[in-house]
Protein backbone atom coordinates (compact mmCIF):
# COMPACT_ATOMS: atom_id res chain seq x y z
CA MET A 1 -13.67 6.03 -6.00
CA ASP A 2 -10.77 8.43 -4.44
CA GLY A 3 -7.92 6.82 -2.84
CA LEU A 4 -8.04 3.26 -4.19
CA LEU A 5 -4.93 2.23 -5.60
CA PRO A 6 -4.93 2.58 -9.25
CA GLU A 7 -3.16 -0.75 -10.12
CA LEU A 8 -5.71 -2.91 -7.51
CA GLU A 9 -6.56 -5.43 -10.13
CA VAL A 10 -2.77 -5.55 -10.90
CA ILE A 11 -2.05 -5.81 -7.38
CA ARG A 12 -4.83 -8.70 -6.67
CA LYS A 13 -2.96 -10.99 -9.34
CA ASP A 14 -0.01 -10.96 -7.04
CA PHE A 15 -1.92 -12.57 -4.48
CA PRO A 16 -2.70 -16.21 -5.96
CA ILE A 17 -5.08 -17.37 -3.25
CA LEU A 18 -7.49 -14.24 -3.93
CA GLU A 19 -8.28 -16.80 -7.22
CA ARG A 20 -9.56 -19.33 -5.32
CA GLN A 21 -13.11 -20.63 -5.45
CA LEU A 22 -14.72 -22.15 -2.40
CA ALA A 23 -17.51 -24.80 -1.73
CA GLY A 24 -20.41 -24.14 -3.78
CA GLY A 25 -18.15 -22.61 -6.26
CA MET A 26 -17.99 -19.09 -4.32
CA PRO A 27 -15.36 -16.70 -5.21
CA LEU A 28 -13.40 -16.05 -1.91
CA VAL A 29 -14.09 -12.84 -0.36
CA TYR A 30 -11.47 -12.25 2.14
CA LEU A 31 -11.98 -9.74 4.73
CA ASP A 32 -9.83 -11.00 7.66
CA SER A 33 -6.85 -9.21 6.92
CA ALA A 34 -6.43 -7.77 10.92
CA ASN A 35 -6.08 -11.74 11.59
CA THR A 36 -3.67 -12.56 8.84
CA SER A 37 -2.90 -11.03 5.54
CA GLN A 38 -2.63 -12.82 2.21
CA LYS A 39 0.83 -13.21 0.59
CA PRO A 40 2.14 -12.11 -2.97
CA GLN A 41 3.61 -14.74 -5.09
CA VAL A 42 7.10 -12.87 -4.42
CA VAL A 43 7.18 -13.78 -0.80
CA ILE A 44 6.27 -17.14 -1.44
CA ASP A 45 8.87 -17.60 -4.25
CA THR A 46 11.40 -15.88 -2.04
CA MET A 47 11.09 -18.38 0.98
CA VAL A 48 10.66 -21.28 -1.56
CA ASP A 49 14.26 -20.08 -3.51
CA HIS A 50 16.07 -20.12 -0.07
CA LEU A 51 14.85 -23.33 0.98
CA GLU A 52 15.57 -25.00 -2.29
CA HIS A 53 19.03 -23.09 -3.01
CA HIS A 54 20.14 -21.48 0.21
CA ASN A 55 18.98 -23.29 3.41
CA ALA A 56 21.77 -23.71 5.95
CA ASN A 57 21.91 -22.50 9.90
CA VAL A 58 23.02 -18.95 9.87
CA ALA A 59 26.11 -17.78 12.02
CA ARG A 60 27.34 -20.92 12.80
CA ALA A 61 27.99 -22.82 8.90
CA MET A 62 31.60 -22.06 7.93
CA HIS A 63 30.56 -23.35 4.23
CA GLN A 64 28.99 -21.38 1.29
CA LEU A 65 25.59 -22.41 2.15
CA GLY A 66 25.71 -20.85 5.69
CA ALA A 67 27.27 -17.67 4.16
CA GLU A 68 24.52 -17.33 1.94
CA SER A 69 21.76 -17.84 4.58
CA SER A 70 23.46 -15.77 7.00
CA GLU A 71 23.78 -12.73 4.26
CA ALA A 72 19.91 -13.52 3.39
CA PHE A 73 19.23 -13.59 7.02
CA GLU A 74 20.85 -10.25 7.96
CA ASN A 75 19.94 -8.63 4.67
CA ALA A 76 15.99 -9.05 5.82
CA ARG A 77 16.99 -7.27 9.16
CA ASP A 78 18.00 -4.29 7.02
CA LYS A 79 15.19 -4.00 5.23
CA VAL A 80 12.94 -4.02 8.33
CA ALA A 81 14.82 -1.72 9.59
CA ALA A 82 14.71 0.78 6.55
CA PHE A 83 11.09 0.19 6.53
CA ILE A 84 10.29 1.51 9.95
CA ASN A 85 12.92 3.88 9.94
CA ALA A 86 15.40 2.36 12.59
CA PRO A 87 18.43 4.26 13.37
CA SER A 88 20.61 1.03 13.55
CA ARG A 89 19.96 -2.24 12.24
CA ASP A 90 21.32 -3.71 15.17
CA GLU A 91 17.94 -2.46 17.13
CA VAL A 92 16.17 -5.02 15.18
CA ILE A 93 15.06 -8.39 17.03
CA PHE A 94 13.58 -11.13 15.29
CA THR A 95 11.37 -12.84 17.54
CA LYS A 96 8.44 -15.72 16.76
CA ASN A 97 5.45 -13.09 16.96
CA ALA A 98 4.50 -9.82 18.20
CA SER A 99 3.30 -11.55 21.47
CA GLU A 100 6.70 -13.02 21.95
CA ALA A 101 8.14 -9.68 21.49
CA LEU A 102 5.74 -7.52 24.02
CA ASN A 103 6.90 -10.50 26.68
CA LEU A 104 10.36 -10.33 25.94
CA VAL A 105 10.03 -6.75 27.18
CA ALA A 106 7.72 -7.29 29.85
CA ASN A 107 9.80 -10.17 31.16
CA THR A 108 13.42 -8.37 30.98
CA LEU A 109 12.36 -5.34 32.82
CA ALA A 110 10.82 -7.68 35.58
CA TRP A 111 14.78 -8.93 35.84
CA ALA A 112 16.21 -5.43 35.18
CA ARG A 113 18.00 -3.75 37.57
CA GLY A 114 19.62 0.39 37.78
CA PRO A 115 16.97 2.81 36.21
CA LEU A 116 14.44 0.27 34.38
CA GLU A 117 13.92 -1.87 37.45
CA ILE A 118 10.34 -2.16 38.75
CA GLY A 119 9.31 -2.57 41.98
CA GLU A 120 6.72 -1.90 44.99
CA GLY A 121 5.36 2.03 44.46
CA ASP A 122 5.89 1.75 40.91
CA GLU A 123 3.15 1.65 38.17
CA VAL A 124 2.48 0.30 34.52
CA VAL A 125 -0.13 2.09 32.68
CA ILE A 126 -1.61 0.14 29.56
CA THR A 127 -5.42 1.06 27.98
CA GLU A 128 -8.62 -0.78 27.98
CA MET A 129 -8.54 -1.50 24.18
CA GLU A 130 -5.40 -3.65 23.92
CA HIS A 131 -4.92 -7.18 22.43
CA HIS A 132 -4.85 -9.86 25.56
CA SER A 133 -0.96 -10.06 24.29
CA ASN A 134 -0.30 -6.51 25.79
CA ILE A 135 -2.40 -7.00 28.91
CA VAL A 136 -1.54 -10.50 30.06
CA PRO A 137 2.42 -9.58 30.24
CA TRP A 138 1.93 -6.47 32.24
CA GLN A 139 -0.51 -8.13 34.78
CA LEU A 140 2.22 -11.00 35.41
CA LEU A 141 4.89 -8.03 35.73
CA THR A 142 3.22 -6.23 38.00
CA GLU A 143 2.07 -9.27 40.02
CA ARG A 144 5.53 -10.55 40.53
CA LYS A 145 7.25 -7.14 41.32
CA GLY A 146 4.63 -5.94 43.34
CA ALA A 147 3.94 -2.55 41.29
CA THR A 148 0.18 -1.49 40.24
CA LEU A 149 -1.33 -1.79 36.62
CA ARG A 150 -3.67 1.25 35.53
CA TRP A 151 -5.23 1.90 32.38
CA PHE A 152 -6.93 4.44 30.18
CA GLY A 153 -10.37 3.61 29.73
CA LEU A 154 -12.52 4.73 26.67
CA THR A 155 -15.09 6.69 25.10
CA ASP A 156 -18.52 5.88 23.97
CA ASP A 157 -17.29 6.26 20.30
CA GLY A 158 -14.20 4.13 21.00
CA GLN A 159 -11.38 6.38 21.47
CA LEU A 160 -8.77 6.82 24.46
CA ASP A 161 -10.24 8.82 27.37
CA LEU A 162 -7.48 11.00 27.74
CA SER A 163 -9.01 13.55 29.80
CA ASN A 164 -7.16 12.17 33.11
CA ILE A 165 -3.47 11.53 31.06
CA ASP A 166 -1.74 14.13 33.55
CA SER A 167 -3.47 12.14 37.00
CA LEU A 168 -2.52 8.62 35.32
CA ILE A 169 0.79 8.88 33.98
CA THR A 170 2.70 10.25 37.01
CA GLU A 171 6.06 10.69 38.68
CA LYS A 172 5.36 6.50 39.59
CA THR A 173 4.83 5.35 36.06
CA LYS A 174 7.70 3.37 34.99
CA VAL A 175 6.01 2.01 31.58
CA VAL A 176 3.27 3.04 29.33
CA SER A 177 2.14 0.21 26.97
CA LEU A 178 -0.14 0.87 24.23
CA THR A 179 -1.77 -0.19 20.78
CA TRP A 180 -1.14 1.91 18.07
CA VAL A 181 -4.15 0.58 16.14
CA SER A 182 -6.97 -1.55 18.05
CA ASN A 183 -7.30 -4.75 16.15
CA MET A 184 -10.99 -4.37 17.69
CA LEU A 185 -12.16 -1.04 17.46
CA GLY A 186 -9.72 0.22 14.65
CA THR A 187 -8.90 3.33 16.57
CA ILE A 188 -5.93 5.08 16.10
CA ASN A 189 -4.45 6.33 19.07
CA PRO A 190 -2.16 9.48 19.40
CA ILE A 191 0.91 7.76 20.18
CA GLU A 192 3.10 10.82 19.94
CA LYS A 193 1.06 12.88 22.06
CA ILE A 194 1.30 10.31 24.94
CA ALA A 195 4.74 9.34 24.22
CA ARG A 196 5.33 13.03 25.11
CA ARG A 197 3.63 12.62 28.31
CA ALA A 198 5.27 9.59 29.70
CA HIS A 199 8.74 10.85 28.73
CA GLU A 200 8.29 14.16 30.80
CA VAL A 201 7.77 11.44 33.65
CA GLY A 202 10.84 9.21 33.14
CA ALA A 203 8.65 6.41 31.75
CA ILE A 204 9.32 4.15 28.83
CA VAL A 205 6.82 3.86 26.06
CA VAL A 206 5.99 0.67 24.14
CA VAL A 207 4.14 0.34 21.22
CA ASP A 208 2.08 -2.82 20.00
CA ALA A 209 2.05 -1.43 16.03
CA SER A 210 0.97 -4.95 14.72
CA GLN A 211 -2.12 -3.26 13.35
CA ALA A 212 -0.05 0.00 12.14
CA VAL A 213 2.74 -1.35 10.33
CA PRO A 214 0.56 -2.95 7.74
CA GLN A 215 -1.63 0.13 6.92
CA MET A 216 0.58 3.22 7.55
CA ALA A 217 3.95 4.70 7.42
CA VAL A 218 5.83 3.79 10.52
CA ASP A 219 8.67 5.81 11.73
CA VAL A 220 9.64 4.86 15.13
CA VAL A 221 12.07 8.01 15.58
CA GLU A 222 9.06 10.18 15.23
CA SER A 223 6.49 7.79 16.87
CA GLY A 224 7.90 8.74 20.15
CA ALA A 225 8.47 5.18 21.08
CA ASP A 226 11.23 3.28 23.07
CA LEU A 227 10.25 -0.35 22.12
CA LEU A 228 7.64 -1.15 19.29
CA ALA A 229 6.48 -4.62 18.23
CA PHE A 230 5.11 -6.19 14.86
CA THR A 231 4.17 -9.35 13.56
CA GLY A 232 5.39 -10.57 9.79
CA HIS A 233 1.84 -12.36 8.79
CA LYS A 234 -0.03 -9.21 8.97
CA VAL A 235 2.45 -7.18 6.61
CA VAL A 236 2.06 -9.84 3.53
CA GLY A 237 4.91 -11.71 5.48
CA PRO A 238 4.61 -15.50 6.87
CA THR A 239 3.86 -16.48 10.28
CA GLY A 240 6.60 -17.75 12.83
CA ILE A 241 8.23 -14.01 12.16
CA GLY A 242 7.99 -11.11 14.69
CA VAL A 243 10.14 -7.78 14.96
CA LEU A 244 10.95 -6.07 17.95
CA TRP A 245 12.78 -2.39 17.95
CA GLY A 246 13.97 -0.67 20.55
CA LYS A 247 16.34 2.44 21.16
CA ARG A 248 19.97 0.89 21.70
CA GLU A 249 19.96 2.94 24.97
CA VAL A 250 17.07 0.75 26.34
CA LEU A 251 18.01 -2.70 24.74
CA ASP A 252 21.63 -1.97 26.21
CA GLN A 253 19.91 -1.59 29.40
CA LEU A 254 17.58 -5.11 29.44
CA PRO A 255 19.45 -8.58 30.54
CA PRO A 256 18.87 -11.30 27.81
CA PHE A 257 15.50 -13.14 27.92
CA LEU A 258 16.50 -16.56 26.74
CA GLY A 259 19.50 -18.62 27.21
CA GLY A 260 21.55 -20.52 24.36
CA GLY A 261 23.48 -20.64 21.35
CA GLU A 262 24.44 -17.12 19.87
CA MET A 263 23.42 -14.82 22.32
CA ILE A 264 26.62 -15.36 24.35
CA GLU A 265 29.77 -13.97 24.00
CA THR A 266 31.57 -16.68 26.31
CA VAL A 267 30.48 -19.32 28.41
CA ALA A 268 32.29 -20.85 31.44
CA MET A 269 30.86 -23.50 34.04
CA GLU A 270 31.36 -20.25 36.50
CA ARG A 271 29.33 -17.47 34.21
CA SER A 272 28.65 -16.61 31.15
CA THR A 273 28.84 -13.01 29.21
CA TYR A 274 26.40 -11.93 26.74
CA ALA A 275 26.89 -10.85 22.99
CA GLY A 276 25.48 -7.49 22.09
CA ILE A 277 22.41 -6.40 20.43
CA PRO A 278 20.80 -7.51 18.54
CA HIS A 279 22.06 -11.15 19.10
CA LYS A 280 21.68 -10.67 22.99
CA PHE A 281 17.78 -11.49 22.45
CA GLU A 282 18.13 -14.13 19.52
CA ALA A 283 18.93 -17.53 21.49
CA GLY A 284 19.07 -20.61 19.24
CA THR A 285 18.32 -20.87 15.74
CA PRO A 286 16.29 -18.00 14.40
CA PRO A 287 13.38 -18.18 12.17
CA ILE A 288 15.72 -17.99 9.12
CA VAL A 289 13.28 -18.46 6.17
CA GLU A 290 10.67 -16.50 7.62
CA ALA A 291 12.71 -13.82 7.94
CA VAL A 292 14.09 -13.73 4.50
CA GLY A 293 10.09 -14.12 3.92
CA LEU A 294 9.59 -10.53 5.97
CA GLY A 295 12.08 -8.93 4.10
CA ALA A 296 10.69 -10.00 0.57
CA ALA A 297 6.83 -8.71 2.34
CA VAL A 298 8.21 -5.49 3.27
CA ASP A 299 10.19 -5.09 -0.04
CA TYR A 300 6.83 -5.38 -2.10
CA LEU A 301 4.81 -3.06 0.62
CA GLY A 302 7.62 -0.38 -0.07
CA HIS A 303 7.21 -0.66 -3.88
CA VAL A 304 3.44 -0.16 -3.63
CA GLY A 305 3.73 2.60 -0.94
CA MET A 306 2.76 2.96 2.65
CA ASP A 307 0.99 6.16 1.92
CA ALA A 308 -0.48 4.62 -0.96
CA ILE A 309 -1.88 1.81 0.73
CA ARG A 310 -2.81 4.28 3.83
CA ALA A 311 -5.23 5.98 1.24
CA HIS A 312 -6.34 2.91 0.19
CA GLU A 313 -7.59 1.80 3.45
CA HIS A 314 -9.04 5.04 4.26
CA ALA A 315 -11.13 4.62 1.07
CA ILE A 316 -12.10 1.10 1.30
CA THR A 317 -13.13 1.63 5.43
CA ALA A 318 -15.22 4.79 4.55
CA TYR A 319 -17.01 2.95 1.91
CA ALA A 320 -17.23 0.08 3.89
CA LEU A 321 -19.03 1.95 6.79
CA ASP A 322 -21.35 3.62 4.79
CA GLY A 323 -22.52 0.27 3.35
CA LEU A 324 -23.00 -1.16 6.89
CA ALA A 325 -24.53 1.83 8.09
CA THR A 326 -27.76 0.62 5.46
CA VAL A 327 -27.95 -2.61 7.46
CA PRO A 328 -30.95 -2.39 9.84
CA GLY A 329 -30.25 -3.45 13.71
CA LEU A 330 -26.30 -3.44 12.82
CA THR A 331 -24.15 -1.44 15.60
CA VAL A 332 -20.45 -0.43 14.49
CA LEU A 333 -18.16 -0.65 17.18
CA GLY A 334 -15.65 2.11 17.49
CA PRO A 335 -15.30 5.60 15.50
CA LEU A 336 -17.68 6.09 12.52
CA ASP A 337 -14.93 8.72 10.88
CA ALA A 338 -12.50 6.53 8.66
CA ALA A 339 -10.15 9.04 9.23
CA LEU A 340 -10.10 7.88 12.86
CA ARG A 341 -9.40 4.44 12.55
CA GLY A 342 -7.86 1.56 10.48
CA GLY A 343 -9.43 -1.21 8.09
CA ALA A 344 -10.76 -3.12 11.05
CA ILE A 345 -14.31 -3.14 11.51
CA SER A 346 -16.13 -5.05 14.30
CA PHE A 347 -19.80 -4.66 14.89
CA GLU A 348 -23.12 -6.80 15.96
CA ILE A 349 -26.55 -7.13 14.17
CA ASP A 350 -29.20 -7.42 16.60
CA GLY A 351 -31.00 -11.06 17.33
CA VAL A 352 -28.19 -12.78 15.51
CA HIS A 353 -24.68 -14.28 17.30
CA PRO A 354 -21.72 -13.19 15.99
CA HIS A 355 -20.57 -16.78 14.87
CA ASP A 356 -23.89 -17.00 13.17
CA VAL A 357 -22.83 -14.40 11.25
CA ALA A 358 -19.67 -15.37 10.37
CA GLN A 359 -20.74 -19.09 9.21
CA VAL A 360 -23.75 -17.61 7.17
CA LEU A 361 -21.23 -15.11 5.21
CA ASP A 362 -18.87 -17.92 5.16
CA SER A 363 -21.52 -20.09 2.91
CA ARG A 364 -21.53 -17.16 0.61
CA GLY A 365 -17.62 -17.08 0.17
CA VAL A 366 -16.84 -14.01 2.45
CA ALA A 367 -14.55 -14.63 5.07
CA VAL A 368 -14.75 -12.47 8.02
CA ARG A 369 -14.06 -13.06 11.67
CA ALA A 370 -16.01 -13.61 14.95
CA GLY A 371 -15.38 -13.92 18.48
CA HIS A 372 -13.87 -11.72 21.24
CA HIS A 373 -10.77 -10.90 19.12
CA CYS A 374 -8.34 -11.45 22.16
CA ALA A 375 -9.95 -8.40 23.32
CA LYS A 376 -12.31 -9.18 25.93
CA PRO A 377 -11.67 -5.81 28.33
CA ALA A 378 -12.86 -3.78 25.39
CA HIS A 379 -16.13 -5.91 24.38
CA LYS A 380 -17.12 -5.71 28.09
CA ARG A 381 -16.73 -1.87 28.18
CA PHE A 382 -19.32 -2.04 25.12
CA GLY A 383 -21.47 -4.48 26.58
CA VAL A 384 -20.92 -7.17 24.34
CA GLN A 385 -19.20 -10.60 24.81
CA ALA A 386 -18.48 -10.85 21.12
CA SER A 387 -18.42 -9.15 17.46
CA THR A 388 -18.06 -9.88 14.00
CA ARG A 389 -15.15 -8.22 12.33
CA ALA A 390 -14.32 -7.52 8.29
CA SER A 391 -10.80 -6.29 7.79
CA SER A 392 -9.50 -5.30 4.83
CA TYR A 393 -6.35 -4.37 3.16
CA LEU A 394 -4.84 -3.29 -0.19
CA TYR A 395 -5.97 -5.40 -1.89
CA THR A 396 -9.66 -5.47 -1.10
CA THR A 397 -12.19 -3.96 -3.62
CA PRO A 398 -15.48 -1.71 -3.16
CA ALA A 399 -17.00 -5.24 -5.10
CA GLU A 400 -16.26 -7.11 -2.19
CA ILE A 401 -17.29 -4.57 0.58
CA ASP A 402 -20.52 -4.76 -1.46
CA ALA A 403 -20.96 -8.79 -0.98
CA LEU A 404 -20.24 -7.94 2.72
CA VAL A 405 -23.19 -5.68 2.79
CA GLU A 406 -25.43 -8.21 0.74
CA GLY A 407 -24.33 -10.73 2.92
CA LEU A 408 -25.44 -9.28 5.91
CA GLU A 409 -28.87 -8.28 4.48
CA TYR A 410 -29.25 -12.09 3.69
CA THR A 411 -28.13 -12.75 6.71
CA ARG A 412 -30.81 -10.66 8.42
CA SER A 413 -33.80 -12.29 5.78
CA TYR A 414 -32.24 -15.92 7.00
CA PHE A 415 -32.89 -15.23 10.54
CA LYS A 416 -36.33 -13.82 9.28
CA LEU A 417 -35.41 -10.44 10.80
CA GLY A 418 -37.62 -8.43 8.41
């Protein structure tokens, strides 16, 4: 199949969990990577090595272990900055996940003064396909500040309806926040086009890149984003670590998010002053070993090559869409053209609840997700409460897609659907 990674079997051997057998001797077919990716041995080994040989707090301990830990932590920041082509390492802020990164932005904008201040009459624009992490923080912000929340709707094939972009993004708009790749519909959004319109009216652009960074080459400068968030556990890294990148001129204008150690310059009983970026936003002991693991993860992805990973995802997604089209009564939610989407494919089968689909597939060793995928408004737009989602990654094989399709055919017979 054109586009597949040529070293696919070698890559699969890097991920020890893929050798796992489940109950009944079923081999694991892992198709839930949009939820969390599996981890290569090098990430596991790097984290264990740090804990075994270099464990100490960072920027505080004035001894050899402290120096080694601090160096490893800051090296991870350098690696992440290079991975997303950030102009400066100081623009990379470590958080615990993408949700925290997005909440950091929304909360600090609520407290901002000057050009970034948001008040009555101002507007924030999002989209109907957002993950809840990029809806609820903006609802809270606009409620607290008396601003108005507006959003792009969706077309019937699961793309953003941009027909009203000029009337939706206006001089009243202060923030446009949207996902780059939908975690439910798989849709790849035209970030640069939307960013250009936002900047024409002086708005800042916030991008949830949680599904984009794992599967395509991301250049934060070319994207047009002012702030961009993603999470470590979807890029073959560990949980408990996320990233917020922001333009220096934007981050410098935002107030601190959390107070505590490391984010200060001086503290007196009367008042405190704050450190520069990124430390202004990294209060307390950070996720040290998780950051080290994330550094190893982006190194691994860089070695494979993000363009090659994107080509692999495109090929596997096209193969999956073709396979799903053969299952009677199955409807894919989102674009049917693999070139317009990422590797997450949500679908429904007439007459079977998504949870039942997932449970039957699990009995055959096929791991998928079922539910609303933290995207309830997008499900409502298409008139469904929930869906089943299969999501591939760089280690997914055509044979695993075959197992999915066979499992869905078995599901139909199991529920006597003909």
